[in-house]
Amino acid sequence: MPATGAPTLESVAARAGVSRATAGRVLSGSTKVSPAAREAVLQAATELHYVANQAARALVTRRSGSVALVVVEPVERFFSDSYFPLILNGAQSVLAEREVQLVLAVLSTARERERFERYARSGHVDGAILVSVHGADPLPQHLRDAGIPVVLSGRPYSQESTVPFVSTDNAVGARLAVRHLVEAGCHHIATVTGPMDMSAAQDRLEGFRAELRAHRRRVPARAVASGDFAVAGGREAMRALLEQYPELDGVFVANDQMAAGALQALAAAGRSVPADVRVVGFDDAPLAAAATPPLTTVCQPVVEMGRALATMLLRIVEGEESPESVIVQPELIVRASA
């Protein structure tokens, strides 16, 4: 006799041939089940048109079923830099597979930060992925003090931090860029840094200097200009370099947004790329291949990093105390600019 009424957790378990507890773990998003059992339960739930009662689940698990992805930047930068949607893409793909809701928060002001902290402390999210944290920002520790699991995109600014993170090996990436410029015959290599209250910018500058030292090259102060990871900032920094270090014939720019601005400044100054100045960026953002000329750049797998961040956070939410941080290796993508 066909079943009547709304399907229940018991009917899903019976159809899948597993216990009620196993079915419950699968449908609550736990990974502590075998792949075969998970597949059987999900198939049974689909066939029975089972929809979990989220409110009841929250009462049992004391979880909201949501996690936050928090970008600590002005809204304008969030929409102009492809790094953020690519991280979002990777994280969302993992969360969707686990039926976990993603809540996006872009924090530009102190008031927005305070509002988000209240929201998180009120139990609306089970954890947070923090992206583009600057300096000794207290937000990660405030959330952890409230019992909210946190993971970071990028190495923490403080060496003492114990917050787990996912990052590219930024120093290695910078060294790949500088080595390529040296091997291409550049003798006067400059750099445009990112904001120095971010570990990524610090590590890329250190990699730049380390590789030049390895080739017994000195780094004059005038070969370094500060940027802000934005197109306009890269353009202004490149103009400054052309004025203070006019003999430059190669430049490593600490992200592709700024490299696009640097290419604009070089074109405006009548410097041909790569004939007069070779340019290497960092990220392999979508704009890199579309730049004029196409941009040689250091590729970091941003979507995969977003997936790793979400996976790491869910492991902590499920009770793992201290997952190891993940450092991924970059790759140089050679195009026409260098």
C-alpha atoms as a PDB file:
ATOM      1  CA  MET A   1       0.000   0.000   0.000  1.00  0.00           C
ATOM      2  CA  PRO A   2       1.471   3.378  -0.934  1.00  0.00           C
ATOM      3  CA  ALA A   3       2.371   5.703   1.920  1.00  0.00           C
ATOM      4  CA  THR A   4      -0.042   8.499   2.747  1.00  0.00           C
ATOM      5  CA  GLY A   5       0.606  11.901   4.258  1.00  0.00           C
ATOM      6  CA  ALA A   6       3.839  13.858   4.299  1.00  0.00           C
ATOM      7  CA  PRO A   7       7.032  11.774   4.240  1.00  0.00           C
ATOM      8  CA  THR A   8       8.893  11.528   7.542  1.00  0.00           C
ATOM      9  CA  LEU A   9      12.486  10.979   8.537  1.00  0.00           C
ATOM     10  CA  GLU A  10      11.513   7.397   9.399  1.00  0.00           C
ATOM     11  CA  SER A  11      10.099   6.774   5.916  1.00  0.00           C
ATOM     12  CA  VAL A  12      13.251   8.200   4.309  1.00  0.00           C
ATOM     13  CA  ALA A  13      15.418   5.947   6.506  1.00  0.00           C
ATOM     14  CA  ALA A  14      13.317   2.895   5.667  1.00  0.00           C
ATOM     15  CA  ARG A  15      13.461   3.544   1.935  1.00  0.00           C
ATOM     16  CA  ALA A  16      17.241   4.096   2.088  1.00  0.00           C
ATOM     17  CA  GLY A  17      17.795   1.006   4.203  1.00  0.00           C
ATOM     18  CA  VAL A  18      19.573   2.884   6.990  1.00  0.00           C
ATOM     19  CA  SER A  19      18.815   3.782  10.590  1.00  0.00           C
ATOM     20  CA  ARG A  20      16.850   6.889  11.518  1.00  0.00           C
ATOM     21  CA  ALA A  21      20.005   8.320  13.125  1.00  0.00           C
ATOM     22  CA  THR A  22      22.013   7.863   9.929  1.00  0.00           C
ATOM     23  CA  ALA A  23      19.293   9.495   7.839  1.00  0.00           C
ATOM     24  CA  GLY A  24      19.176  12.371  10.309  1.00  0.00           C
ATOM     25  CA  ARG A  25      22.943  12.904  10.103  1.00  0.00           C
ATOM     26  CA  VAL A  26      22.858  13.003   6.299  1.00  0.00           C
ATOM     27  CA  LEU A  27      19.943  15.427   6.162  1.00  0.00           C
ATOM     28  CA  SER A  28      21.497  17.712   8.777  1.00  0.00           C
ATOM     29  CA  GLY A  29      24.608  18.043   6.628  1.00  0.00           C
ATOM     30  CA  SER A  30      27.002  15.875   8.661  1.00  0.00           C
ATOM     31  CA  THR A  31      29.927  14.270   6.852  1.00  0.00           C
ATOM     32  CA  LYS A  32      30.216  11.482   9.439  1.00  0.00           C
ATOM     33  CA  VAL A  33      28.492   8.928   7.219  1.00  0.00           C
ATOM     34  CA  SER A  34      29.699   6.721   4.394  1.00  0.00           C
ATOM     35  CA  PRO A  35      29.344   7.987   0.804  1.00  0.00           C
ATOM     36  CA  ALA A  36      27.044   5.043   0.010  1.00  0.00           C
ATOM     37  CA  ALA A  37      24.716   5.812   2.920  1.00  0.00           C
ATOM     38  CA  ARG A  38      24.703   9.504   2.064  1.00  0.00           C
ATOM     39  CA  GLU A  39      23.778   8.787  -1.554  1.00  0.00           C
ATOM     40  CA  ALA A  40      21.019   6.334  -0.527  1.00  0.00           C
ATOM     41  CA  VAL A  41      19.459   8.811   1.904  1.00  0.00           C
ATOM     42  CA  LEU A  42      19.577  11.739  -0.517  1.00  0.00           C
ATOM     43  CA  GLN A  43      18.038   9.604  -3.261  1.00  0.00           C
ATOM     44  CA  ALA A  44      15.286   8.412  -0.912  1.00  0.00           C
ATOM     45  CA  ALA A  45      14.574  11.954   0.217  1.00  0.00           C
ATOM     46  CA  THR A  46      14.301  13.084  -3.410  1.00  0.00           C
ATOM     47  CA  GLU A  47      12.015  10.195  -4.372  1.00  0.00           C
ATOM     48  CA  LEU A  48       9.740  10.819  -1.373  1.00  0.00           C
ATOM     49  CA  HIS A  49       9.821  14.618  -1.826  1.00  0.00           C
ATOM     50  CA  TYR A  50      10.994  14.906   1.761  1.00  0.00           C
ATOM     51  CA  VAL A  51      11.645  18.426   3.063  1.00  0.00           C
ATOM     52  CA  ALA A  52      13.380  18.748   6.429  1.00  0.00           C
ATOM     53  CA  ASN A  53      11.716  20.848   9.068  1.00  0.00           C
ATOM     54  CA  GLN A  54      14.453  23.424   9.531  1.00  0.00           C
ATOM     55  CA  ALA A  55      13.009  24.798  12.745  1.00  0.00           C
ATOM     56  CA  ALA A  56      12.858  21.334  14.309  1.00  0.00           C
ATOM     57  CA  ARG A  57      16.370  20.576  13.103  1.00  0.00           C
ATOM     58  CA  ALA A  58      17.658  23.778  14.691  1.00  0.00           C
ATOM     59  CA  LEU A  59      16.085  22.835  18.022  1.00  0.00           C
ATOM     60  CA  VAL A  60      17.830  19.458  17.978  1.00  0.00           C
ATOM     61  CA  THR A  61      21.238  20.509  16.611  1.00  0.00           C
ATOM     62  CA  ARG A  62      21.314  24.037  18.065  1.00  0.00           C
ATOM     63  CA  ARG A  63      22.472  25.209  14.656  1.00  0.00           C
ATOM     64  CA  SER A  64      20.995  27.763  12.313  1.00  0.00           C
ATOM     65  CA  GLY A  65      21.964  25.947   9.122  1.00  0.00           C
ATOM     66  CA  SER A  66      23.647  29.150   7.872  1.00  0.00           C
ATOM     67  CA  VAL A  67      27.203  30.456   7.692  1.00  0.00           C
ATOM     68  CA  ALA A  68      28.412  33.947   6.864  1.00  0.00           C
ATOM     69  CA  LEU A  69      30.958  35.038   4.302  1.00  0.00           C
ATOM     70  CA  VAL A  70      32.191  38.405   5.564  1.00  0.00           C
ATOM     71  CA  VAL A  71      34.156  40.824   3.356  1.00  0.00           C
ATOM     72  CA  VAL A  72      35.803  43.617   5.328  1.00  0.00           C
ATOM     73  CA  GLU A  73      36.019  46.171   2.508  1.00  0.00           C
ATOM     74  CA  PRO A  74      34.045  49.064   1.026  1.00  0.00           C
ATOM     75  CA  VAL A  75      31.096  47.928  -1.076  1.00  0.00           C
ATOM     76  CA  GLU A  76      32.653  49.515  -4.178  1.00  0.00           C
ATOM     77  CA  ARG A  77      35.735  47.323  -3.865  1.00  0.00           C
ATOM     78  CA  PHE A  78      33.633  44.185  -3.364  1.00  0.00           C
ATOM     79  CA  PHE A  79      31.893  44.769  -6.694  1.00  0.00           C
ATOM     80  CA  SER A  80      35.010  45.849  -8.605  1.00  0.00           C
ATOM     81  CA  ASP A  81      37.450  43.079  -7.626  1.00  0.00           C
ATOM     82  CA  SER A  82      36.799  39.599  -9.029  1.00  0.00           C
ATOM     83  CA  TYR A  83      38.661  37.977  -6.111  1.00  0.00           C
ATOM     84  CA  PHE A  84      35.583  38.305  -3.909  1.00  0.00           C
ATOM     85  CA  PRO A  85      32.965  36.713  -6.188  1.00  0.00           C
ATOM     86  CA  LEU A  86      35.419  33.913  -7.006  1.00  0.00           C
ATOM     87  CA  ILE A  87      35.894  33.124  -3.294  1.00  0.00           C
ATOM     88  CA  LEU A  88      32.112  33.340  -2.929  1.00  0.00           C
ATOM     89  CA  ASN A  89      31.646  30.966  -5.866  1.00  0.00           C
ATOM     90  CA  GLY A  90      33.876  28.308  -4.315  1.00  0.00           C
ATOM     91  CA  ALA A  91      32.386  28.593  -0.835  1.00  0.00           C
ATOM     92  CA  GLN A  92      28.820  28.544  -2.110  1.00  0.00           C
ATOM     93  CA  SER A  93      29.423  25.382  -4.151  1.00  0.00           C
ATOM     94  CA  VAL A  94      30.432  23.471  -1.003  1.00  0.00           C
ATOM     95  CA  LEU A  95      27.669  24.932   1.154  1.00  0.00           C
ATOM     96  CA  ALA A  96      25.009  24.183  -1.458  1.00  0.00           C
ATOM     97  CA  GLU A  97      26.114  20.548  -1.572  1.00  0.00           C
ATOM     98  CA  ARG A  98      25.593  20.382   2.189  1.00  0.00           C
ATOM     99  CA  GLU A  99      22.328  22.354   2.119  1.00  0.00           C
ATOM    100  CA  VAL A 100      23.827  25.128   4.249  1.00  0.00           C
ATOM    101  CA  GLN A 101      22.618  28.683   3.621  1.00  0.00           C
ATOM    102  CA  LEU A 102      25.266  31.306   2.878  1.00  0.00           C
ATOM    103  CA  VAL A 103      24.797  34.798   4.297  1.00  0.00           C
ATOM    104  CA  LEU A 104      26.904  37.513   2.647  1.00  0.00           C
ATOM    105  CA  ALA A 105      28.002  40.517   4.703  1.00  0.00           C
ATOM    106  CA  VAL A 106      30.109  43.387   3.350  1.00  0.00           C
ATOM    107  CA  LEU A 107      31.336  45.486   6.254  1.00  0.00           C
ATOM    108  CA  SER A 108      32.371  49.011   5.275  1.00  0.00           C
ATOM    109  CA  THR A 109      31.672  50.972   8.452  1.00  0.00           C
ATOM    110  CA  ALA A 110      31.949  50.571  12.223  1.00  0.00           C
ATOM    111  CA  ARG A 111      28.171  50.557  12.459  1.00  0.00           C
ATOM    112  CA  GLU A 112      27.909  47.694   9.966  1.00  0.00           C
ATOM    113  CA  ARG A 113      30.512  45.726  11.910  1.00  0.00           C
ATOM    114  CA  GLU A 114      28.635  46.210  15.181  1.00  0.00           C
ATOM    115  CA  ARG A 115      25.375  45.156  13.554  1.00  0.00           C
ATOM    116  CA  PHE A 116      26.948  42.010  12.116  1.00  0.00           C
ATOM    117  CA  GLU A 117      28.500  41.069  15.456  1.00  0.00           C
ATOM    118  CA  ARG A 118      25.080  41.374  17.136  1.00  0.00           C
ATOM    119  CA  TYR A 119      23.515  39.311  14.355  1.00  0.00           C
ATOM    120  CA  ALA A 120      26.148  36.574  14.677  1.00  0.00           C
ATOM    121  CA  ARG A 121      25.998  36.489  18.486  1.00  0.00           C
ATOM    122  CA  SER A 122      22.224  36.093  18.267  1.00  0.00           C
ATOM    123  CA  GLY A 123      22.670  32.630  16.771  1.00  0.00           C
ATOM    124  CA  HIS A 124      21.806  33.422  13.156  1.00  0.00           C
ATOM    125  CA  VAL A 125      24.995  31.841  11.778  1.00  0.00           C
ATOM    126  CA  ASP A 126      26.971  28.749  12.752  1.00  0.00           C
ATOM    127  CA  GLY A 127      30.315  30.180  11.651  1.00  0.00           C
ATOM    128  CA  ALA A 128      31.999  32.813   9.514  1.00  0.00           C
ATOM    129  CA  ILE A 129      34.486  32.968   6.650  1.00  0.00           C
ATOM    130  CA  LEU A 130      36.342  36.278   6.924  1.00  0.00           C
ATOM    131  CA  VAL A 131      37.858  37.760   3.776  1.00  0.00           C
ATOM    132  CA  SER A 132      40.213  40.739   3.366  1.00  0.00           C
ATOM    133  CA  VAL A 133      40.819  41.386   7.054  1.00  0.00           C
ATOM    134  CA  HIS A 134      43.212  44.311   7.620  1.00  0.00           C
ATOM    135  CA  GLY A 135      45.823  44.657  10.344  1.00  0.00           C
ATOM    136  CA  ALA A 136      45.062  43.646  13.911  1.00  0.00           C
ATOM    137  CA  ASP A 137      41.323  43.702  13.295  1.00  0.00           C
ATOM    138  CA  PRO A 138      39.525  42.488  16.456  1.00  0.00           C
ATOM    139  CA  LEU A 139      36.566  41.014  14.531  1.00  0.00           C
ATOM    140  CA  PRO A 140      37.917  37.436  14.297  1.00  0.00           C
ATOM    141  CA  GLN A 141      38.613  37.299  18.025  1.00  0.00           C
ATOM    142  CA  HIS A 142      35.300  38.959  18.937  1.00  0.00           C
ATOM    143  CA  LEU A 143      33.463  36.224  17.043  1.00  0.00           C
ATOM    144  CA  ARG A 144      35.560  33.435  18.521  1.00  0.00           C
ATOM    145  CA  ASP A 145      35.048  34.831  22.021  1.00  0.00           C
ATOM    146  CA  ALA A 146      31.307  34.548  21.355  1.00  0.00           C
ATOM    147  CA  GLY A 147      31.743  30.858  20.462  1.00  0.00           C
ATOM    148  CA  ILE A 148      31.367  31.380  16.717  1.00  0.00           C
ATOM    149  CA  PRO A 149      33.784  29.327  14.549  1.00  0.00           C
ATOM    150  CA  VAL A 150      35.912  31.470  12.232  1.00  0.00           C
ATOM    151  CA  VAL A 151      38.250  30.801   9.310  1.00  0.00           C
ATOM    152  CA  LEU A 152      40.304  33.371   7.410  1.00  0.00           C
ATOM    153  CA  SER A 153      40.995  33.887   3.734  1.00  0.00           C
ATOM    154  CA  GLY A 154      44.693  34.717   3.891  1.00  0.00           C
ATOM    155  CA  ARG A 155      47.319  34.363   6.577  1.00  0.00           C
ATOM    156  CA  PRO A 156      46.470  36.256   9.767  1.00  0.00           C
ATOM    157  CA  TYR A 157      48.254  39.583  10.187  1.00  0.00           C
ATOM    158  CA  SER A 158      49.445  38.598  13.665  1.00  0.00           C
ATOM    159  CA  GLN A 159      51.965  35.771  13.951  1.00  0.00           C
ATOM    160  CA  GLU A 160      50.364  34.840  17.287  1.00  0.00           C
ATOM    161  CA  SER A 161      46.921  34.228  15.790  1.00  0.00           C
ATOM    162  CA  THR A 162      45.555  30.691  16.022  1.00  0.00           C
ATOM    163  CA  VAL A 163      42.672  31.249  13.593  1.00  0.00           C
ATOM    164  CA  PRO A 164      42.857  28.627  10.804  1.00  0.00           C
ATOM    165  CA  PHE A 165      43.244  29.992   7.297  1.00  0.00           C
ATOM    166  CA  VAL A 166      43.528  29.223   3.602  1.00  0.00           C
ATOM    167  CA  SER A 167      46.145  31.151   1.646  1.00  0.00           C
ATOM    168  CA  THR A 168      48.315  31.124  -1.419  1.00  0.00           C
ATOM    169  CA  ASP A 169      52.031  31.015  -0.704  1.00  0.00           C
ATOM    170  CA  ASN A 170      52.322  34.693  -1.577  1.00  0.00           C
ATOM    171  CA  ALA A 171      56.083  34.950  -1.108  1.00  0.00           C
ATOM    172  CA  VAL A 172      56.658  32.044  -3.503  1.00  0.00           C
ATOM    173  CA  GLY A 173      54.308  33.642  -6.029  1.00  0.00           C
ATOM    174  CA  ALA A 174      56.199  36.931  -5.908  1.00  0.00           C
ATOM    175  CA  ARG A 175      59.476  35.106  -6.363  1.00  0.00           C
ATOM    176  CA  LEU A 176      58.102  33.370  -9.474  1.00  0.00           C
ATOM    177  CA  ALA A 177      57.167  36.778 -10.915  1.00  0.00           C
ATOM    178  CA  VAL A 178      60.534  38.387 -10.195  1.00  0.00           C
ATOM    179  CA  ARG A 179      62.489  35.367 -11.439  1.00  0.00           C
ATOM    180  CA  HIS A 180      60.593  35.575 -14.712  1.00  0.00           C
ATOM    181  CA  LEU A 181      61.466  39.260 -15.085  1.00  0.00           C
ATOM    182  CA  VAL A 182      65.144  38.597 -14.333  1.00  0.00           C
ATOM    183  CA  GLU A 183      65.273  35.731 -16.825  1.00  0.00           C
ATOM    184  CA  ALA A 184      63.579  37.960 -19.423  1.00  0.00           C
ATOM    185  CA  GLY A 185      66.525  40.346 -19.155  1.00  0.00           C
ATOM    186  CA  CYS A 186      65.168  43.091 -16.886  1.00  0.00           C
ATOM    187  CA  HIS A 187      67.853  44.976 -14.964  1.00  0.00           C
ATOM    188  CA  HIS A 188      65.833  47.572 -13.057  1.00  0.00           C
ATOM    189  CA  ILE A 189      62.851  45.831 -11.475  1.00  0.00           C
ATOM    190  CA  ALA A 190      60.307  47.745  -9.409  1.00  0.00           C
ATOM    191  CA  THR A 191      57.167  46.740  -7.538  1.00  0.00           C
ATOM    192  CA  VAL A 192      53.742  48.115  -6.666  1.00  0.00           C
ATOM    193  CA  THR A 193      52.737  46.725  -3.285  1.00  0.00           C
ATOM    194  CA  GLY A 194      49.312  46.133  -1.841  1.00  0.00           C
ATOM    195  CA  PRO A 195      48.183  47.764   1.438  1.00  0.00           C
ATOM    196  CA  MET A 196      50.805  46.907   4.017  1.00  0.00           C
ATOM    197  CA  ASP A 197      48.268  46.219   6.759  1.00  0.00           C
ATOM    198  CA  MET A 198      47.491  42.964   4.936  1.00  0.00           C
ATOM    199  CA  SER A 199      49.606  39.828   5.175  1.00  0.00           C
ATOM    200  CA  ALA A 200      49.273  39.109   1.449  1.00  0.00           C
ATOM    201  CA  ALA A 201      50.891  42.436   0.574  1.00  0.00           C
ATOM    202  CA  GLN A 202      53.646  41.939   3.162  1.00  0.00           C
ATOM    203  CA  ASP A 203      54.453  38.440   1.920  1.00  0.00           C
ATOM    204  CA  ARG A 204      54.490  39.493  -1.743  1.00  0.00           C
ATOM    205  CA  LEU A 205      56.872  42.355  -0.972  1.00  0.00           C
ATOM    206  CA  GLU A 206      59.129  40.023   0.990  1.00  0.00           C
ATOM    207  CA  GLY A 207      59.119  37.540  -1.900  1.00  0.00           C
ATOM    208  CA  PHE A 208      60.009  40.361  -4.325  1.00  0.00           C
ATOM    209  CA  ARG A 209      62.974  41.376  -2.196  1.00  0.00           C
ATOM    210  CA  ALA A 210      64.104  37.804  -1.504  1.00  0.00           C
ATOM    211  CA  GLU A 211      64.236  36.860  -5.163  1.00  0.00           C
ATOM    212  CA  LEU A 212      66.223  39.976  -6.090  1.00  0.00           C
ATOM    213  CA  ARG A 213      68.638  39.241  -3.235  1.00  0.00           C
ATOM    214  CA  ALA A 214      69.015  35.711  -4.610  1.00  0.00           C
ATOM    215  CA  HIS A 215      70.146  37.275  -7.886  1.00  0.00           C
ATOM    216  CA  ARG A 216      72.414  39.696  -6.022  1.00  0.00           C
ATOM    217  CA  ARG A 217      70.307  42.649  -6.996  1.00  0.00           C
ATOM    218  CA  ARG A 218      69.800  45.570  -4.647  1.00  0.00           C
ATOM    219  CA  VAL A 219      66.343  47.052  -4.087  1.00  0.00           C
ATOM    220  CA  PRO A 220      66.515  50.854  -3.908  1.00  0.00           C
ATOM    221  CA  ALA A 221      63.724  52.522  -1.929  1.00  0.00           C
ATOM    222  CA  ARG A 222      62.602  54.336  -5.061  1.00  0.00           C
ATOM    223  CA  ALA A 223      61.859  50.958  -6.716  1.00  0.00           C
ATOM    224  CA  VAL A 224      58.918  50.386  -4.354  1.00  0.00           C
ATOM    225  CA  ALA A 225      55.564  52.193  -4.573  1.00  0.00           C
ATOM    226  CA  SER A 226      52.536  51.572  -2.377  1.00  0.00           C
ATOM    227  CA  GLY A 227      49.138  50.656  -3.806  1.00  0.00           C
ATOM    228  CA  ASP A 228      45.731  49.631  -2.518  1.00  0.00           C
ATOM    229  CA  PHE A 229      44.760  46.570  -4.611  1.00  0.00           C
ATOM    230  CA  ALA A 230      42.532  48.781  -6.818  1.00  0.00           C
ATOM    231  CA  VAL A 231      42.911  49.902 -10.445  1.00  0.00           C
ATOM    232  CA  ALA A 232      43.204  53.600  -9.614  1.00  0.00           C
ATOM    233  CA  GLY A 233      45.776  52.886  -6.916  1.00  0.00           C
ATOM    234  CA  GLY A 234      47.884  50.890  -9.358  1.00  0.00           C
ATOM    235  CA  ARG A 235      47.707  53.672 -11.903  1.00  0.00           C
ATOM    236  CA  GLU A 236      48.866  56.286  -9.377  1.00  0.00           C
ATOM    237  CA  ALA A 237      51.637  54.042  -8.030  1.00  0.00           C
ATOM    238  CA  MET A 238      52.927  53.383 -11.551  1.00  0.00           C
ATOM    239  CA  ARG A 239      53.019  57.119 -12.243  1.00  0.00           C
ATOM    240  CA  ALA A 240      55.055  57.587  -9.063  1.00  0.00           C
ATOM    241  CA  LEU A 241      57.493  54.852 -10.089  1.00  0.00           C
ATOM    242  CA  LEU A 242      58.006  56.381 -13.519  1.00  0.00           C
ATOM    243  CA  GLU A 243      58.889  59.664 -11.862  1.00  0.00           C
ATOM    244  CA  GLN A 244      61.132  58.342  -9.092  1.00  0.00           C
ATOM    245  CA  TYR A 245      62.660  55.337 -10.895  1.00  0.00           C
ATOM    246  CA  PRO A 246      62.518  56.217 -14.624  1.00  0.00           C
ATOM    247  CA  GLU A 247      65.096  53.588 -15.626  1.00  0.00           C
ATOM    248  CA  LEU A 248      62.761  50.732 -14.596  1.00  0.00           C
ATOM    249  CA  ASP A 249      62.336  48.040 -17.236  1.00  0.00           C
ATOM    250  CA  GLY A 250      60.287  45.519 -15.266  1.00  0.00           C
ATOM    251  CA  VAL A 251      57.606  45.765 -12.609  1.00  0.00           C
ATOM    252  CA  PHE A 252      55.911  43.234 -10.374  1.00  0.00           C
ATOM    253  CA  VAL A 253      52.445  44.481  -9.382  1.00  0.00           C
ATOM    254  CA  ALA A 254      50.935  42.805  -6.324  1.00  0.00           C
ATOM    255  CA  ASN A 255      47.522  42.138  -7.881  1.00  0.00           C
ATOM    256  CA  ASP A 256      45.913  42.214 -11.313  1.00  0.00           C
ATOM    257  CA  GLN A 257      43.585  45.114 -10.535  1.00  0.00           C
ATOM    258  CA  MET A 258      46.572  47.359  -9.857  1.00  0.00           C
ATOM    259  CA  ALA A 259      48.431  45.855 -12.830  1.00  0.00           C
ATOM    260  CA  ALA A 260      45.572  47.003 -15.086  1.00  0.00           C
ATOM    261  CA  GLY A 261      46.060  50.517 -13.718  1.00  0.00           C
ATOM    262  CA  ALA A 262      49.821  50.244 -14.196  1.00  0.00           C
ATOM    263  CA  LEU A 263      49.328  49.302 -17.853  1.00  0.00           C
ATOM    264  CA  GLN A 264      47.166  52.419 -18.289  1.00  0.00           C
ATOM    265  CA  ALA A 265      49.839  54.644 -16.739  1.00  0.00           C
ATOM    266  CA  LEU A 266      52.584  53.129 -18.886  1.00  0.00           C
ATOM    267  CA  ALA A 267      50.535  53.619 -22.053  1.00  0.00           C
ATOM    268  CA  ALA A 268      49.818  57.238 -21.102  1.00  0.00           C
ATOM    269  CA  ALA A 269      53.559  57.804 -20.534  1.00  0.00           C
ATOM    270  CA  GLY A 270      54.435  56.378 -23.946  1.00  0.00           C
ATOM    271  CA  ARG A 271      56.150  53.291 -22.499  1.00  0.00           C
ATOM    272  CA  SER A 272      55.559  50.184 -24.593  1.00  0.00           C
ATOM    273  CA  VAL A 273      54.762  46.898 -22.836  1.00  0.00           C
ATOM    274  CA  PRO A 274      56.716  44.642 -23.025  1.00  0.00           C
ATOM    275  CA  ALA A 275      59.293  46.360 -25.264  1.00  0.00           C
ATOM    276  CA  ASP A 276      60.146  49.115 -22.757  1.00  0.00           C
ATOM    277  CA  VAL A 277      58.722  47.724 -19.526  1.00  0.00           C
ATOM    278  CA  ARG A 278      57.687  44.169 -18.701  1.00  0.00           C
ATOM    279  CA  VAL A 279      54.747  43.813 -16.297  1.00  0.00           C
ATOM    280  CA  VAL A 280      53.719  40.855 -14.119  1.00  0.00           C
ATOM    281  CA  GLY A 281      50.597  40.835 -11.939  1.00  0.00           C
ATOM    282  CA  PHE A 282      49.181  38.492  -9.311  1.00  0.00           C
ATOM    283  CA  ASP A 283      45.863  36.565  -9.090  1.00  0.00           C
ATOM    284  CA  ASP A 284      45.095  35.601 -12.712  1.00  0.00           C
ATOM    285  CA  ALA A 285      41.827  37.497 -12.417  1.00  0.00           C
ATOM    286  CA  PRO A 286      39.494  37.371 -15.443  1.00  0.00           C
ATOM    287  CA  LEU A 287      40.694  40.822 -16.524  1.00  0.00           C
ATOM    288  CA  ALA A 288      44.292  39.561 -16.891  1.00  0.00           C
ATOM    289  CA  ALA A 289      43.697  37.716 -20.157  1.00  0.00           C
ATOM    290  CA  ALA A 290      41.607  40.633 -21.482  1.00  0.00           C
ATOM    291  CA  ALA A 291      44.187  43.322 -20.697  1.00  0.00           C
ATOM    292  CA  THR A 292      46.144  45.130 -23.428  1.00  0.00           C
ATOM    293  CA  PRO A 293      48.554  43.452 -23.764  1.00  0.00           C
ATOM    294  CA  PRO A 294      47.364  40.261 -22.050  1.00  0.00           C
ATOM    295  CA  LEU A 295      48.885  40.156 -18.578  1.00  0.00           C
ATOM    296  CA  THR A 296      51.518  37.726 -17.374  1.00  0.00           C
ATOM    297  CA  THR A 297      50.467  36.935 -13.827  1.00  0.00           C
ATOM    298  CA  VAL A 298      50.789  34.638 -10.852  1.00  0.00           C
ATOM    299  CA  CYS A 299      47.741  32.392 -10.649  1.00  0.00           C
ATOM    300  CA  GLN A 300      46.164  31.498  -7.341  1.00  0.00           C
ATOM    301  CA  PRO A 301      43.223  29.034  -7.504  1.00  0.00           C
ATOM    302  CA  VAL A 302      40.698  31.359  -5.842  1.00  0.00           C
ATOM    303  CA  VAL A 303      37.594  29.219  -6.421  1.00  0.00           C
ATOM    304  CA  GLU A 304      39.332  26.184  -4.925  1.00  0.00           C
ATOM    305  CA  MET A 305      40.452  28.322  -2.000  1.00  0.00           C
ATOM    306  CA  GLY A 306      36.819  29.294  -1.413  1.00  0.00           C
ATOM    307  CA  ARG A 307      35.870  25.620  -1.409  1.00  0.00           C
ATOM    308  CA  ALA A 308      38.648  24.863   1.074  1.00  0.00           C
ATOM    309  CA  LEU A 309      37.484  27.671   3.368  1.00  0.00           C
ATOM    310  CA  ALA A 310      33.907  26.405   3.442  1.00  0.00           C
ATOM    311  CA  THR A 311      35.020  22.811   3.992  1.00  0.00           C
ATOM    312  CA  MET A 312      37.311  23.858   6.836  1.00  0.00           C
ATOM    313  CA  LEU A 313      34.585  25.920   8.506  1.00  0.00           C
ATOM    314  CA  LEU A 314      32.046  23.088   8.344  1.00  0.00           C
ATOM    315  CA  ARG A 315      34.563  20.731   9.944  1.00  0.00           C
ATOM    316  CA  ILE A 316      34.914  23.127  12.872  1.00  0.00           C
ATOM    317  CA  VAL A 317      31.137  23.542  13.134  1.00  0.00           C
ATOM    318  CA  GLU A 318      30.841  19.763  13.347  1.00  0.00           C
ATOM    319  CA  GLY A 319      33.244  19.616  16.260  1.00  0.00           C
ATOM    320  CA  GLU A 320      36.785  19.414  14.900  1.00  0.00           C
ATOM    321  CA  GLU A 321      38.831  21.617  17.203  1.00  0.00           C
ATOM    322  CA  SER A 322      41.827  22.720  15.177  1.00  0.00           C
ATOM    323  CA  PRO A 323      41.984  21.807  11.487  1.00  0.00           C
ATOM    324  CA  GLU A 324      45.307  22.546   9.844  1.00  0.00           C
ATOM    325  CA  SER A 325      45.564  25.693   7.771  1.00  0.00           C
ATOM    326  CA  VAL A 326      45.901  25.236   4.009  1.00  0.00           C
ATOM    327  CA  ILE A 327      48.626  26.887   1.920  1.00  0.00           C
ATOM    328  CA  VAL A 328      48.279  26.421  -1.840  1.00  0.00           C
ATOM    329  CA  GLN A 329      51.081  26.793  -4.348  1.00  0.00           C
ATOM    330  CA  PRO A 330      50.824  29.470  -7.045  1.00  0.00           C
ATOM    331  CA  GLU A 331      51.675  29.114 -10.720  1.00  0.00           C
ATOM    332  CA  LEU A 332      53.058  31.625 -13.208  1.00  0.00           C
ATOM    333  CA  ILE A 333      50.862  32.210 -16.281  1.00  0.00           C
ATOM    334  CA  VAL A 334      52.944  33.728 -19.087  1.00  0.00           C
ATOM    335  CA  ARG A 335      51.225  36.075 -21.520  1.00  0.00           C
ATOM    336  CA  ALA A 336      52.345  38.986 -23.699  1.00  0.00           C
ATOM    337  CA  SER A 337      53.088  41.607 -21.021  1.00  0.00           C
ATOM    338  CA  ALA A 338      56.327  39.959 -19.874  1.00  0.00           C
END
